[in-house]
Amino acid sequence: MKAADDPAMRPEFYRALMDSRVCVIGWVADHAPAEEEAFVAQAGDTMNVQHMSYEGREVIPVFTSPERIAEYAPGTTYLAMTLRNLLETTGPQELFMNPGSAYGKHFTSSELQGLMDGSAFQPREKWVAQKQEEFLIGRPAKYPDRFVEALKTMFSRRNDVRRAYLALICIPSRSEIPNLYLAIDADTDLTAIAADCGMIAADTLDKGEFVDIGSTSVAPDYFATDAPIYNRD
């Protein structure tokens, strides 16, 4: 529920999700449990999982608790396992989490593949200057408030980010169009932090906007005089 309402909570939600227990409507072949009976499937058992249609696509309905299933389809037989186990069994088929609930989400195959192989928790793209680059840097005329507020919330829940700054940068050799630059002063490697910031950016920036994420060493003199958007101290 927090992740649905607050973009800052989504990286944490995705990390917890893979090893969280989920429920699917289904049964184990050749086993018809009596009402209220529970049993543990064995190696070699065949699992049958119900699918549903969502916007013309075939998806697997997945629920975060038996109570969510009861709201959607009372009296239904269900199977419980971690999401990781489910995806290892079915592959990254599209899912819809908690259909019929006020808090649901459609997961595409590419999203699920990213969660399975870990690429969802890596920066989407890396760019490394091949030579000494000339660039322009300054303050954005308009701050992306939703992005900044979500970043501040996420940073406050961590203990490895000291300060963060937001600037507008233009690197002519790459593009004449400037874009946002998020500079982070941290106690740890920026890779995981940048990936989480990228998730938040995808949910909060306007269409067509993107942000580079790196350290303050790109322009130390500039950031020494700029006001941070977040300061741990």
Protein backbone atom coordinates (compact mmCIF):
# COMPACT_ATOMS: atom_id res chain seq x y z
CA MET A 1 0.00 0.00 0.00
CA LYS A 2 2.85 2.39 0.80
CA ALA A 3 4.57 1.58 -2.51
CA ALA A 4 1.37 2.29 -4.43
CA ASP A 5 1.05 5.75 -2.89
CA ASP A 6 4.71 6.76 -2.45
CA PRO A 7 7.32 6.33 -5.24
CA ALA A 8 10.08 6.49 -2.61
CA MET A 9 8.93 3.13 -1.24
CA ARG A 10 8.98 1.27 -4.55
CA PRO A 11 12.66 0.21 -4.67
CA GLU A 12 12.30 -1.27 -1.17
CA PHE A 13 9.03 -2.94 -2.22
CA TYR A 14 10.61 -4.58 -5.28
CA ARG A 15 13.54 -5.88 -3.27
CA ALA A 16 11.25 -7.44 -0.66
CA LEU A 17 8.79 -8.77 -3.21
CA MET A 18 10.87 -11.55 -4.74
CA ASP A 19 11.23 -13.45 -1.47
CA SER A 20 7.77 -12.64 -0.14
CA ARG A 21 5.02 -15.23 -0.10
CA VAL A 22 2.33 -14.81 -2.72
CA CYS A 23 -0.77 -16.87 -3.50
CA VAL A 24 -2.14 -17.99 -6.85
CA ILE A 25 -5.47 -19.60 -7.67
CA GLY A 26 -4.70 -23.18 -8.57
CA TRP A 27 -4.21 -26.74 -7.48
CA VAL A 28 -1.78 -29.66 -7.71
CA ALA A 29 -2.70 -32.27 -10.29
CA ASP A 30 -4.12 -35.55 -8.95
CA HIS A 31 -4.67 -34.00 -5.55
CA ALA A 32 -8.07 -32.67 -4.56
CA PRO A 33 -7.82 -31.34 -1.00
CA ALA A 34 -10.90 -31.24 1.16
CA GLU A 35 -12.17 -27.86 2.29
CA GLU A 36 -9.76 -26.12 4.67
CA GLU A 37 -7.13 -28.87 4.16
CA ALA A 38 -3.53 -27.81 3.68
CA PHE A 39 -0.69 -29.89 2.27
CA VAL A 40 2.83 -29.43 0.95
CA ALA A 41 3.52 -30.20 -2.71
CA GLN A 42 6.31 -32.64 -3.44
CA ALA A 43 9.04 -32.67 -6.08
CA GLY A 44 7.60 -33.81 -9.38
CA ASP A 45 4.05 -32.64 -8.65
CA THR A 46 2.35 -30.74 -11.48
CA MET A 47 0.98 -27.33 -10.59
CA ASN A 48 -2.05 -25.88 -12.37
CA VAL A 49 -2.39 -22.10 -12.15
CA GLN A 50 -5.40 -20.08 -13.21
CA HIS A 51 -4.97 -17.28 -15.72
CA MET A 52 -7.12 -14.24 -16.43
CA SER A 53 -7.50 -11.66 -19.18
CA TYR A 54 -6.24 -8.11 -18.61
CA GLU A 55 -6.50 -5.54 -21.42
CA GLY A 56 -6.47 -8.34 -23.96
CA ARG A 57 -3.47 -10.10 -22.40
CA GLU A 58 -3.31 -13.40 -20.58
CA VAL A 59 -1.89 -12.84 -17.10
CA ILE A 60 -1.60 -14.81 -13.88
CA PRO A 61 -3.54 -13.26 -10.99
CA VAL A 62 -1.29 -13.16 -7.92
CA PHE A 63 -2.36 -12.23 -4.40
CA THR A 64 -0.36 -10.97 -1.45
CA SER A 65 -2.45 -12.89 1.09
CA PRO A 66 -5.26 -15.48 1.30
CA GLU A 67 -7.54 -12.63 2.39
CA ARG A 68 -6.98 -10.91 -0.97
CA ILE A 69 -8.01 -14.09 -2.77
CA ALA A 70 -11.11 -14.39 -0.56
CA GLU A 71 -12.13 -10.88 -1.61
CA TYR A 72 -11.69 -11.76 -5.30
CA ALA A 73 -12.94 -15.36 -5.44
CA PRO A 74 -14.34 -16.74 -2.13
CA GLY A 75 -13.82 -20.44 -1.46
CA THR A 76 -11.07 -20.81 -4.07
CA THR A 77 -8.28 -23.38 -3.83
CA TYR A 78 -4.93 -21.65 -3.85
CA LEU A 79 -1.20 -22.34 -3.82
CA ALA A 80 1.30 -20.32 -1.77
CA MET A 81 4.99 -19.82 -2.53
CA THR A 82 7.54 -17.04 -2.85
CA LEU A 83 7.31 -14.93 -5.98
CA ARG A 84 10.80 -16.12 -6.87
CA ASN A 85 9.65 -19.76 -6.75
CA LEU A 86 6.58 -18.91 -8.83
CA LEU A 87 8.63 -17.24 -11.54
CA GLU A 88 11.16 -20.08 -11.54
CA THR A 89 8.23 -22.44 -12.14
CA THR A 90 6.16 -20.47 -14.66
CA GLY A 91 8.81 -18.21 -16.19
CA PRO A 92 8.37 -14.43 -16.40
CA GLN A 93 4.75 -14.58 -17.56
CA GLU A 94 2.78 -11.39 -17.04
CA LEU A 95 1.17 -11.05 -13.62
CA PHE A 96 -1.54 -8.91 -12.11
CA MET A 97 -1.16 -8.48 -8.37
CA ASN A 98 -4.31 -8.28 -6.24
CA PRO A 99 -7.00 -7.94 -8.94
CA GLY A 100 -10.21 -6.57 -7.48
CA SER A 101 -8.32 -4.75 -4.74
CA ALA A 102 -7.81 -1.02 -4.33
CA TYR A 103 -4.05 -1.73 -4.42
CA GLY A 104 -3.01 -3.74 -7.45
CA LYS A 105 -0.30 -3.73 -10.10
CA HIS A 106 0.26 -5.20 -13.56
CA PHE A 107 3.76 -6.66 -14.05
CA THR A 108 5.00 -7.05 -17.62
CA SER A 109 7.28 -9.91 -18.64
CA SER A 110 10.22 -7.52 -18.99
CA GLU A 111 9.66 -6.15 -15.47
CA LEU A 112 9.60 -9.67 -14.04
CA GLN A 113 12.69 -10.68 -16.02
CA GLY A 114 14.49 -7.67 -14.52
CA LEU A 115 13.51 -8.75 -11.02
CA MET A 116 14.64 -12.33 -11.70
CA ASP A 117 18.06 -11.51 -13.16
CA GLY A 118 18.71 -8.48 -10.95
CA SER A 119 18.91 -5.96 -13.81
CA ALA A 120 16.01 -4.03 -12.26
CA PHE A 121 18.40 -3.11 -9.46
CA GLN A 122 21.12 -1.82 -11.78
CA PRO A 123 21.33 1.56 -13.55
CA ARG A 124 19.41 1.41 -16.82
CA GLU A 125 22.30 2.70 -18.90
CA LYS A 126 25.91 3.65 -18.22
CA TRP A 127 27.71 6.43 -20.02
CA VAL A 128 31.44 6.99 -19.59
CA ALA A 129 33.24 9.95 -21.11
CA GLN A 130 35.94 8.78 -23.51
CA LYS A 131 37.87 12.04 -23.26
CA GLN A 132 37.87 15.28 -21.32
CA GLU A 133 34.38 16.63 -21.95
CA GLU A 134 33.17 20.21 -22.02
CA PHE A 135 29.79 20.74 -20.42
CA LEU A 136 27.50 23.38 -19.01
CA ILE A 137 25.92 23.03 -15.59
CA GLY A 138 23.48 25.17 -13.64
CA ARG A 139 20.29 25.19 -11.62
CA PRO A 140 17.08 23.93 -13.22
CA ALA A 141 14.59 26.71 -13.91
CA LYS A 142 11.86 24.43 -12.61
CA TYR A 143 12.46 21.73 -10.04
CA PRO A 144 10.67 18.39 -10.53
CA ASP A 145 8.98 18.51 -7.15
CA ARG A 146 7.60 14.94 -7.08
CA PHE A 147 11.01 13.52 -7.98
CA VAL A 148 12.81 15.62 -5.37
CA GLU A 149 10.35 14.85 -2.58
CA ALA A 150 10.51 11.12 -3.30
CA LEU A 151 14.31 11.23 -3.30
CA LYS A 152 14.38 13.04 0.04
CA THR A 153 12.09 10.41 1.55
CA MET A 154 14.22 7.55 0.23
CA PHE A 155 17.52 9.12 1.30
CA SER A 156 16.18 9.72 4.81
CA ARG A 157 15.53 5.98 5.13
CA ARG A 158 19.15 5.13 4.26
CA ASN A 159 22.36 5.71 6.18
CA ASP A 160 24.79 5.87 3.25
CA VAL A 161 23.79 9.15 1.54
CA ARG A 162 25.37 12.27 3.02
CA ARG A 163 24.18 14.92 0.57
CA ALA A 164 22.45 15.15 -2.79
CA TYR A 165 22.20 17.96 -5.33
CA LEU A 166 20.09 18.47 -8.43
CA ALA A 167 21.40 20.39 -11.42
CA LEU A 168 20.78 20.82 -15.13
CA ILE A 169 23.65 19.65 -17.31
CA CYS A 170 24.36 19.86 -21.03
CA ILE A 171 27.13 17.78 -22.63
CA PRO A 172 27.28 19.00 -26.27
CA SER A 173 29.14 15.93 -27.54
CA ARG A 174 26.26 13.77 -26.38
CA SER A 175 23.23 16.04 -26.93
CA GLU A 176 22.42 19.72 -27.34
CA ILE A 177 19.42 19.23 -25.08
CA PRO A 178 20.18 19.60 -21.36
CA ASN A 179 18.94 17.09 -18.82
CA LEU A 180 18.83 16.73 -15.06
CA TYR A 181 21.91 15.65 -13.15
CA LEU A 182 21.58 14.15 -9.67
CA ALA A 183 24.86 14.42 -7.79
CA ILE A 184 25.18 12.19 -4.74
CA ASP A 185 27.80 12.34 -2.00
CA ALA A 186 27.68 8.90 -0.38
CA ASP A 187 29.64 6.59 1.91
CA THR A 188 29.25 3.63 -0.45
CA ASP A 189 29.39 2.78 -4.14
CA LEU A 190 26.72 4.63 -6.10
CA THR A 191 25.56 1.71 -8.26
CA ALA A 192 22.71 0.46 -6.05
CA ILE A 193 21.74 4.00 -5.00
CA ALA A 194 21.61 5.12 -8.65
CA ALA A 195 19.41 2.16 -9.58
CA ASP A 196 16.91 3.04 -6.85
CA CYS A 197 16.92 6.69 -7.93
CA GLY A 198 16.33 5.55 -11.50
CA MET A 199 13.23 3.61 -10.42
CA ILE A 200 11.90 6.71 -8.72
CA ALA A 201 12.72 8.89 -11.74
CA ALA A 202 10.76 6.58 -14.05
CA ASP A 203 7.68 7.04 -11.87
CA THR A 204 7.92 10.76 -11.11
CA LEU A 205 9.55 12.62 -14.01
CA ASP A 206 7.53 13.86 -16.96
CA LYS A 207 7.55 11.84 -20.17
CA GLY A 208 10.72 12.50 -22.13
CA GLU A 209 12.67 13.69 -19.09
CA PHE A 210 15.64 11.73 -17.84
CA VAL A 211 18.33 12.17 -15.23
CA ASP A 212 22.02 11.37 -15.10
CA ILE A 213 23.16 10.14 -11.70
CA GLY A 214 26.74 10.43 -10.48
CA SER A 215 29.00 11.92 -7.88
CA THR A 216 29.74 15.54 -7.02
CA SER A 217 33.27 15.09 -8.44
CA VAL A 218 31.91 15.94 -11.89
CA ALA A 219 31.78 19.63 -10.88
CA PRO A 220 33.15 19.98 -7.32
CA ASP A 221 33.42 23.77 -7.44
CA TYR A 222 29.81 24.13 -8.55
CA PHE A 223 28.37 21.79 -5.93
CA ALA A 224 30.52 23.36 -3.20
CA THR A 225 28.40 26.51 -3.54
CA ASP A 226 25.06 24.95 -4.45
CA ALA A 227 22.33 24.19 -1.90
CA PRO A 228 21.70 20.45 -1.52
CA ILE A 229 18.23 19.00 -1.96
CA TYR A 230 19.11 16.57 0.83
CA ASN A 231 21.58 16.85 3.70
CA ARG A 232 21.96 14.02 6.22
CA ASP A 233 23.51 16.37 8.77
